[in-house]
Amino acid sequence: MAKNSSLRAVGWARSLPVSSGVKAARDWTRAHLATLSWAQDDPELVDSVLLAVSELVTNAHVHAHSAAQLILTWDEECLHVTVHDASPQLPEPRNPGDGALGGRGLLLVDALADRWEAYRCPRGKNVTVCFQADGGTEPHPVAE
């Protein structure tokens, strides 16, 4: 998106009931990311976003036993991925043992994203991660 553009942010939101599964979240996210140039310019970053979405939506469904509200916002500097769930319990990174089958989701998110935060809100919590393009590649809308 050009800096002189009058459009300063774009965003999308979707509710994902527990029954929808994480694949629906990834597919929906992939479709919206395809409208930005990152799909062509930085496919590894798209993969990182999709993995983070998988982890955050899984956490909402499994640990909060809640539907997940998935929100994507591009503000010309950062792609914000926010997942809201109904639990006020903030996530905490764990240190799983070598043989543990789970417990690495937030460690992955922390490694993939430029930054992340979690905060309580009136009806649960939000976990937001930020992704910035490497090397100054700025996503822009793709002409259809």
N, C-alpha and C. Protein backbone atom coordinates (compact mmCIF):
# COMPACT_ATOMS: atom_id res chain seq x y z
N MET A 1 0.85 -1.16 0.00
CA MET A 1 0.00 0.00 0.00
C MET A 1 0.90 1.23 0.00
N ALA A 2 0.70 2.10 -0.91
CA ALA A 2 1.53 3.29 -1.01
C ALA A 2 1.32 4.20 0.19
N LYS A 3 2.40 4.83 0.64
CA LYS A 3 2.32 5.71 1.80
C LYS A 3 1.40 6.90 1.54
N ASN A 4 1.29 7.33 0.30
CA ASN A 4 0.43 8.48 0.00
C ASN A 4 -1.01 8.07 -0.26
N SER A 5 -1.31 6.81 -0.12
CA SER A 5 -2.67 6.32 -0.33
C SER A 5 -3.59 6.86 0.76
N SER A 6 -4.83 7.11 0.40
CA SER A 6 -5.80 7.55 1.39
C SER A 6 -6.24 6.39 2.27
N LEU A 7 -6.03 5.16 1.81
CA LEU A 7 -6.38 3.98 2.60
C LEU A 7 -5.28 3.71 3.60
N ARG A 8 -5.58 3.75 4.88
CA ARG A 8 -4.58 3.60 5.92
C ARG A 8 -4.61 2.25 6.61
N ALA A 9 -5.70 1.52 6.50
CA ALA A 9 -5.78 0.20 7.13
C ALA A 9 -6.85 -0.62 6.42
N VAL A 10 -6.62 -1.92 6.41
CA VAL A 10 -7.63 -2.85 5.93
C VAL A 10 -7.75 -3.95 6.97
N GLY A 11 -8.90 -4.55 7.05
CA GLY A 11 -9.07 -5.60 8.04
C GLY A 11 -10.19 -6.54 7.69
N TRP A 12 -10.12 -7.69 8.31
CA TRP A 12 -11.12 -8.74 8.12
C TRP A 12 -11.36 -9.40 9.47
N ALA A 13 -12.56 -9.93 9.68
CA ALA A 13 -12.88 -10.62 10.93
C ALA A 13 -13.78 -11.81 10.64
N ARG A 14 -13.61 -12.84 11.48
CA ARG A 14 -14.43 -14.04 11.32
C ARG A 14 -14.56 -14.74 12.66
N SER A 15 -15.74 -15.25 12.91
CA SER A 15 -15.98 -16.06 14.10
C SER A 15 -15.78 -17.53 13.72
N LEU A 16 -15.05 -18.24 14.58
CA LEU A 16 -14.76 -19.65 14.33
C LEU A 16 -15.22 -20.48 15.52
N PRO A 17 -16.40 -21.10 15.42
CA PRO A 17 -16.84 -21.96 16.52
C PRO A 17 -15.89 -23.15 16.67
N VAL A 18 -15.90 -23.75 17.84
CA VAL A 18 -15.01 -24.88 18.10
C VAL A 18 -15.19 -25.95 17.03
N SER A 19 -16.40 -26.15 16.56
CA SER A 19 -16.68 -27.19 15.56
C SER A 19 -16.07 -26.88 14.19
N SER A 20 -15.64 -25.65 13.95
CA SER A 20 -15.13 -25.29 12.63
C SER A 20 -13.74 -25.85 12.36
N GLY A 21 -12.96 -26.08 13.39
CA GLY A 21 -11.62 -26.59 13.20
C GLY A 21 -10.64 -25.51 12.77
N VAL A 22 -9.38 -25.83 12.94
CA VAL A 22 -8.31 -24.86 12.67
C VAL A 22 -8.06 -24.70 11.17
N LYS A 23 -8.32 -25.73 10.39
CA LYS A 23 -8.11 -25.62 8.94
C LYS A 23 -8.95 -24.49 8.35
N ALA A 24 -10.16 -24.31 8.85
CA ALA A 24 -11.02 -23.23 8.36
C ALA A 24 -10.36 -21.87 8.63
N ALA A 25 -9.71 -21.74 9.78
CA ALA A 25 -9.02 -20.48 10.12
C ALA A 25 -7.84 -20.24 9.17
N ARG A 26 -7.07 -21.29 8.91
CA ARG A 26 -5.92 -21.16 7.99
C ARG A 26 -6.40 -20.83 6.58
N ASP A 27 -7.40 -21.52 6.10
CA ASP A 27 -7.88 -21.29 4.73
C ASP A 27 -8.43 -19.88 4.59
N TRP A 28 -9.18 -19.41 5.57
CA TRP A 28 -9.74 -18.06 5.54
C TRP A 28 -8.62 -17.02 5.55
N THR A 29 -7.64 -17.24 6.41
CA THR A 29 -6.51 -16.31 6.50
C THR A 29 -5.73 -16.30 5.20
N ARG A 30 -5.44 -17.47 4.65
CA ARG A 30 -4.69 -17.56 3.39
C ARG A 30 -5.41 -16.80 2.29
N ALA A 31 -6.72 -16.93 2.21
CA ALA A 31 -7.49 -16.23 1.18
C ALA A 31 -7.36 -14.71 1.32
N HIS A 32 -7.38 -14.21 2.54
CA HIS A 32 -7.25 -12.77 2.73
C HIS A 32 -5.83 -12.28 2.52
N LEU A 33 -4.85 -13.08 2.91
CA LEU A 33 -3.46 -12.69 2.67
C LEU A 33 -3.14 -12.67 1.18
N ALA A 34 -3.88 -13.45 0.40
CA ALA A 34 -3.67 -13.45 -1.05
C ALA A 34 -4.02 -12.10 -1.67
N THR A 35 -4.80 -11.29 -0.96
CA THR A 35 -5.15 -9.97 -1.48
C THR A 35 -4.02 -8.96 -1.24
N LEU A 36 -3.01 -9.35 -0.48
CA LEU A 36 -1.83 -8.52 -0.26
C LEU A 36 -0.66 -9.14 -1.02
N SER A 37 0.30 -8.35 -1.37
CA SER A 37 1.42 -8.85 -2.18
C SER A 37 2.33 -9.82 -1.44
N TRP A 38 2.19 -9.97 -0.14
CA TRP A 38 3.07 -10.90 0.59
C TRP A 38 2.97 -12.31 0.03
N ALA A 39 1.82 -12.69 -0.47
CA ALA A 39 1.66 -14.05 -0.99
C ALA A 39 2.68 -14.31 -2.09
N GLN A 40 2.97 -13.29 -2.91
CA GLN A 40 3.96 -13.45 -3.97
C GLN A 40 5.36 -13.05 -3.49
N ASP A 41 5.45 -11.98 -2.72
CA ASP A 41 6.74 -11.40 -2.35
C ASP A 41 7.43 -12.10 -1.19
N ASP A 42 6.67 -12.68 -0.27
CA ASP A 42 7.27 -13.26 0.93
C ASP A 42 6.45 -14.47 1.40
N PRO A 43 6.47 -15.56 0.63
CA PRO A 43 5.66 -16.72 1.00
C PRO A 43 6.05 -17.34 2.34
N GLU A 44 7.31 -17.19 2.76
CA GLU A 44 7.71 -17.71 4.07
C GLU A 44 7.01 -16.95 5.19
N LEU A 45 6.82 -15.66 5.00
CA LEU A 45 6.11 -14.86 5.99
C LEU A 45 4.64 -15.29 6.06
N VAL A 46 4.05 -15.57 4.92
CA VAL A 46 2.68 -16.08 4.89
C VAL A 46 2.60 -17.39 5.67
N ASP A 47 3.57 -18.28 5.47
CA ASP A 47 3.60 -19.54 6.22
C ASP A 47 3.68 -19.28 7.72
N SER A 48 4.48 -18.29 8.13
CA SER A 48 4.59 -17.95 9.56
C SER A 48 3.27 -17.45 10.11
N VAL A 49 2.59 -16.61 9.34
CA VAL A 49 1.29 -16.10 9.77
C VAL A 49 0.30 -17.25 9.93
N LEU A 50 0.28 -18.16 8.96
CA LEU A 50 -0.66 -19.28 9.01
C LEU A 50 -0.38 -20.20 10.19
N LEU A 51 0.89 -20.43 10.51
CA LEU A 51 1.23 -21.26 11.66
C LEU A 51 0.79 -20.57 12.96
N ALA A 52 1.01 -19.26 13.05
CA ALA A 52 0.58 -18.52 14.25
C ALA A 52 -0.95 -18.58 14.40
N VAL A 53 -1.66 -18.40 13.30
CA VAL A 53 -3.13 -18.50 13.34
C VAL A 53 -3.54 -19.87 13.84
N SER A 54 -2.90 -20.92 13.34
CA SER A 54 -3.22 -22.28 13.79
C SER A 54 -3.04 -22.43 15.29
N GLU A 55 -1.92 -21.94 15.79
CA GLU A 55 -1.62 -22.07 17.22
C GLU A 55 -2.61 -21.28 18.07
N LEU A 56 -2.90 -20.04 17.68
CA LEU A 56 -3.77 -19.19 18.50
C LEU A 56 -5.22 -19.68 18.48
N VAL A 57 -5.71 -20.11 17.33
CA VAL A 57 -7.08 -20.62 17.26
C VAL A 57 -7.18 -21.95 18.01
N THR A 58 -6.15 -22.79 17.90
CA THR A 58 -6.14 -24.04 18.67
C THR A 58 -6.20 -23.74 20.16
N ASN A 59 -5.41 -22.77 20.62
CA ASN A 59 -5.44 -22.41 22.04
C ASN A 59 -6.84 -21.97 22.47
N ALA A 60 -7.50 -21.16 21.64
CA ALA A 60 -8.85 -20.71 21.99
C ALA A 60 -9.81 -21.89 22.09
N HIS A 61 -9.74 -22.80 21.13
CA HIS A 61 -10.65 -23.93 21.12
C HIS A 61 -10.34 -24.94 22.23
N VAL A 62 -9.06 -25.25 22.43
CA VAL A 62 -8.69 -26.32 23.36
C VAL A 62 -8.61 -25.84 24.80
N HIS A 63 -7.94 -24.73 25.03
CA HIS A 63 -7.71 -24.29 26.41
C HIS A 63 -8.84 -23.41 26.95
N ALA A 64 -9.42 -22.57 26.11
CA ALA A 64 -10.52 -21.71 26.56
C ALA A 64 -11.88 -22.38 26.34
N HIS A 65 -11.91 -23.49 25.60
CA HIS A 65 -13.18 -24.17 25.27
C HIS A 65 -14.18 -23.16 24.72
N SER A 66 -13.69 -22.36 23.78
CA SER A 66 -14.44 -21.21 23.31
C SER A 66 -14.33 -21.08 21.80
N ALA A 67 -15.33 -20.43 21.23
CA ALA A 67 -15.20 -19.99 19.84
C ALA A 67 -14.04 -19.00 19.78
N ALA A 68 -13.47 -18.86 18.62
CA ALA A 68 -12.38 -17.91 18.41
C ALA A 68 -12.87 -16.83 17.46
N GLN A 69 -12.61 -15.59 17.80
CA GLN A 69 -12.87 -14.48 16.90
C GLN A 69 -11.51 -14.12 16.30
N LEU A 70 -11.36 -14.29 15.01
CA LEU A 70 -10.09 -14.06 14.33
C LEU A 70 -10.18 -12.74 13.56
N ILE A 71 -9.24 -11.85 13.84
CA ILE A 71 -9.23 -10.52 13.23
C ILE A 71 -7.86 -10.28 12.61
N LEU A 72 -7.83 -9.91 11.34
CA LEU A 72 -6.60 -9.55 10.64
C LEU A 72 -6.68 -8.07 10.31
N THR A 73 -5.63 -7.33 10.62
CA THR A 73 -5.59 -5.91 10.31
C THR A 73 -4.21 -5.55 9.76
N TRP A 74 -4.18 -4.92 8.60
CA TRP A 74 -2.95 -4.41 8.02
C TRP A 74 -3.00 -2.90 8.12
N ASP A 75 -2.01 -2.29 8.81
CA ASP A 75 -2.02 -0.84 9.04
C ASP A 75 -0.85 -0.12 8.38
N GLU A 76 -0.31 -0.68 7.33
CA GLU A 76 0.82 -0.17 6.56
C GLU A 76 2.16 -0.39 7.24
N GLU A 77 2.18 -0.85 8.48
CA GLU A 77 3.43 -1.16 9.16
C GLU A 77 3.47 -2.58 9.64
N CYS A 78 2.32 -3.11 10.00
CA CYS A 78 2.27 -4.41 10.66
C CYS A 78 0.98 -5.12 10.29
N LEU A 79 1.08 -6.42 10.08
CA LEU A 79 -0.11 -7.25 9.98
C LEU A 79 -0.39 -7.74 11.38
N HIS A 80 -1.49 -7.27 11.96
CA HIS A 80 -1.90 -7.68 13.30
C HIS A 80 -2.85 -8.86 13.16
N VAL A 81 -2.56 -9.94 13.85
CA VAL A 81 -3.43 -11.10 13.90
C VAL A 81 -3.92 -11.18 15.34
N THR A 82 -5.22 -11.01 15.54
CA THR A 82 -5.79 -11.06 16.88
C THR A 82 -6.77 -12.22 16.96
N VAL A 83 -6.64 -12.98 18.04
CA VAL A 83 -7.60 -14.04 18.32
C VAL A 83 -8.20 -13.74 19.69
N HIS A 84 -9.51 -13.62 19.71
CA HIS A 84 -10.25 -13.40 20.96
C HIS A 84 -10.92 -14.70 21.36
N ASP A 85 -10.90 -15.00 22.67
CA ASP A 85 -11.69 -16.12 23.18
C ASP A 85 -12.35 -15.70 24.47
N ALA A 86 -13.21 -16.55 25.02
CA ALA A 86 -14.04 -16.20 26.16
C ALA A 86 -13.36 -16.37 27.51
N SER A 87 -12.15 -16.87 27.56
CA SER A 87 -11.47 -17.08 28.84
C SER A 87 -10.64 -15.86 29.22
N PRO A 88 -10.75 -15.40 30.48
CA PRO A 88 -9.90 -14.29 30.92
C PRO A 88 -8.48 -14.73 31.27
N GLN A 89 -8.24 -16.04 31.30
CA GLN A 89 -6.92 -16.57 31.65
C GLN A 89 -5.91 -16.24 30.55
N LEU A 90 -4.89 -15.47 30.91
CA LEU A 90 -3.87 -15.11 29.92
C LEU A 90 -2.95 -16.29 29.65
N PRO A 91 -2.53 -16.45 28.41
CA PRO A 91 -1.63 -17.56 28.08
C PRO A 91 -0.23 -17.31 28.64
N GLU A 92 0.42 -18.38 29.00
CA GLU A 92 1.79 -18.29 29.48
C GLU A 92 2.64 -19.30 28.72
N PRO A 93 3.76 -18.86 28.16
CA PRO A 93 4.64 -19.83 27.50
C PRO A 93 5.09 -20.88 28.51
N ARG A 94 5.14 -22.12 28.05
CA ARG A 94 5.58 -23.23 28.90
C ARG A 94 6.97 -23.67 28.47
N ASN A 95 7.57 -24.45 29.30
CA ASN A 95 8.85 -25.05 28.97
C ASN A 95 8.65 -26.56 28.97
N PRO A 96 8.10 -27.10 27.87
CA PRO A 96 7.78 -28.52 27.84
C PRO A 96 9.07 -29.36 27.78
N GLY A 97 8.98 -30.52 28.31
CA GLY A 97 10.11 -31.44 28.24
C GLY A 97 10.28 -31.97 26.83
N ASP A 98 11.40 -32.63 26.60
CA ASP A 98 11.69 -33.16 25.27
C ASP A 98 10.64 -34.14 24.77
N GLY A 99 10.03 -34.88 25.67
CA GLY A 99 9.05 -35.89 25.27
C GLY A 99 7.62 -35.39 25.21
N ALA A 100 7.39 -34.13 25.58
CA ALA A 100 6.04 -33.59 25.60
C ALA A 100 5.48 -33.48 24.19
N LEU A 101 4.20 -33.82 24.04
CA LEU A 101 3.55 -33.75 22.73
C LEU A 101 3.00 -32.36 22.43
N GLY A 102 2.85 -31.53 23.43
CA GLY A 102 2.31 -30.20 23.22
C GLY A 102 3.03 -29.19 24.09
N GLY A 103 2.46 -27.99 24.15
CA GLY A 103 3.01 -26.96 25.01
C GLY A 103 4.01 -26.04 24.36
N ARG A 104 4.12 -26.10 23.04
CA ARG A 104 5.11 -25.27 22.34
C ARG A 104 4.49 -24.16 21.50
N GLY A 105 3.18 -24.03 21.53
CA GLY A 105 2.50 -23.07 20.66
C GLY A 105 2.96 -21.64 20.82
N LEU A 106 2.99 -21.15 22.05
CA LEU A 106 3.43 -19.76 22.25
C LEU A 106 4.92 -19.59 21.99
N LEU A 107 5.70 -20.64 22.20
CA LEU A 107 7.12 -20.57 21.85
C LEU A 107 7.28 -20.38 20.34
N LEU A 108 6.45 -21.09 19.57
CA LEU A 108 6.47 -20.93 18.12
C LEU A 108 6.02 -19.53 17.71
N VAL A 109 4.93 -19.07 18.30
CA VAL A 109 4.43 -17.72 17.98
C VAL A 109 5.49 -16.68 18.30
N ASP A 110 6.14 -16.82 19.44
CA ASP A 110 7.19 -15.87 19.83
C ASP A 110 8.35 -15.88 18.84
N ALA A 111 8.68 -17.06 18.33
CA ALA A 111 9.79 -17.17 17.38
C ALA A 111 9.42 -16.63 16.00
N LEU A 112 8.17 -16.74 15.61
CA LEU A 112 7.73 -16.37 14.27
C LEU A 112 7.36 -14.90 14.13
N ALA A 113 6.74 -14.34 15.15
CA ALA A 113 6.20 -12.98 15.08
C ALA A 113 7.24 -11.96 15.50
N ASP A 114 7.05 -10.73 15.04
CA ASP A 114 7.91 -9.64 15.49
C ASP A 114 7.64 -9.29 16.94
N ARG A 115 6.39 -9.41 17.34
CA ARG A 115 6.02 -9.21 18.74
C ARG A 115 4.63 -9.78 18.96
N TRP A 116 4.31 -10.03 20.23
CA TRP A 116 2.97 -10.48 20.57
C TRP A 116 2.62 -9.99 21.96
N GLU A 117 1.33 -9.91 22.22
CA GLU A 117 0.84 -9.52 23.54
C GLU A 117 -0.51 -10.17 23.79
N ALA A 118 -0.83 -10.32 25.05
CA ALA A 118 -2.13 -10.85 25.45
C ALA A 118 -2.69 -9.92 26.52
N TYR A 119 -3.97 -9.67 26.44
CA TYR A 119 -4.58 -8.80 27.44
C TYR A 119 -6.05 -9.17 27.62
N ARG A 120 -6.50 -8.97 28.86
CA ARG A 120 -7.90 -9.24 29.18
C ARG A 120 -8.77 -8.14 28.59
N CYS A 121 -9.98 -8.50 28.27
CA CYS A 121 -10.98 -7.54 27.83
C CYS A 121 -12.30 -7.94 28.50
N PRO A 122 -13.36 -7.17 28.36
CA PRO A 122 -14.59 -7.44 29.12
C PRO A 122 -15.16 -8.86 28.99
N ARG A 123 -14.99 -9.50 27.87
CA ARG A 123 -15.60 -10.82 27.69
C ARG A 123 -14.56 -11.89 27.36
N GLY A 124 -13.40 -11.82 27.98
CA GLY A 124 -12.36 -12.83 27.74
C GLY A 124 -11.01 -12.18 27.59
N LYS A 125 -10.32 -12.58 26.53
CA LYS A 125 -8.99 -12.02 26.27
C LYS A 125 -8.73 -11.95 24.78
N ASN A 126 -7.75 -11.14 24.44
CA ASN A 126 -7.24 -11.05 23.08
C ASN A 126 -5.76 -11.40 23.11
N VAL A 127 -5.34 -12.15 22.13
CA VAL A 127 -3.92 -12.39 21.89
C VAL A 127 -3.65 -11.82 20.51
N THR A 128 -2.71 -10.87 20.44
CA THR A 128 -2.40 -10.20 19.19
C THR A 128 -0.93 -10.40 18.86
N VAL A 129 -0.67 -10.80 17.62
CA VAL A 129 0.70 -10.92 17.14
C VAL A 129 0.88 -9.97 15.96
N CYS A 130 2.10 -9.48 15.80
CA CYS A 130 2.41 -8.54 14.73
C CYS A 130 3.47 -9.15 13.83
N PHE A 131 3.24 -9.04 12.53
CA PHE A 131 4.19 -9.49 11.52
C PHE A 131 4.56 -8.33 10.63
N GLN A 132 5.84 -8.07 10.48
CA GLN A 132 6.33 -7.06 9.56
C GLN A 132 7.12 -7.76 8.47
N ALA A 133 7.01 -7.25 7.25
CA ALA A 133 7.73 -7.86 6.14
C ALA A 133 9.23 -7.65 6.31
N ASP A 134 10.00 -8.67 5.97
CA ASP A 134 11.46 -8.57 6.02
C ASP A 134 11.97 -7.74 4.85
N GLY A 135 13.08 -7.08 5.07
CA GLY A 135 13.74 -6.37 3.99
C GLY A 135 12.95 -5.22 3.42
N GLY A 136 12.02 -4.69 4.19
CA GLY A 136 11.27 -3.53 3.73
C GLY A 136 10.20 -3.85 2.70
N THR A 137 9.91 -5.11 2.45
CA THR A 137 8.86 -5.46 1.51
C THR A 137 7.53 -5.09 2.14
N GLU A 138 6.87 -4.15 1.57
CA GLU A 138 5.60 -3.69 2.13
C GLU A 138 4.46 -4.28 1.34
N PRO A 139 3.56 -5.02 2.00
CA PRO A 139 2.44 -5.59 1.27
C PRO A 139 1.55 -4.47 0.70
N HIS A 140 0.97 -4.74 -0.41
CA HIS A 140 0.03 -3.81 -1.01
C HIS A 140 -1.09 -4.63 -1.62
N PRO A 141 -2.26 -4.03 -1.76
CA PRO A 141 -3.37 -4.77 -2.36
C PRO A 141 -3.00 -5.25 -3.75
N VAL A 142 -3.42 -6.44 -4.07
CA VAL A 142 -3.18 -7.01 -5.39
C VAL A 142 -4.40 -6.73 -6.25
N ALA A 143 -4.17 -6.22 -7.43
CA ALA A 143 -5.27 -5.95 -8.36
C ALA A 143 -5.93 -7.25 -8.76
N GLU A 144 -7.23 -7.23 -8.78
CA GLU A 144 -7.97 -8.45 -9.14
C GLU A 144 -8.37 -8.43 -10.59
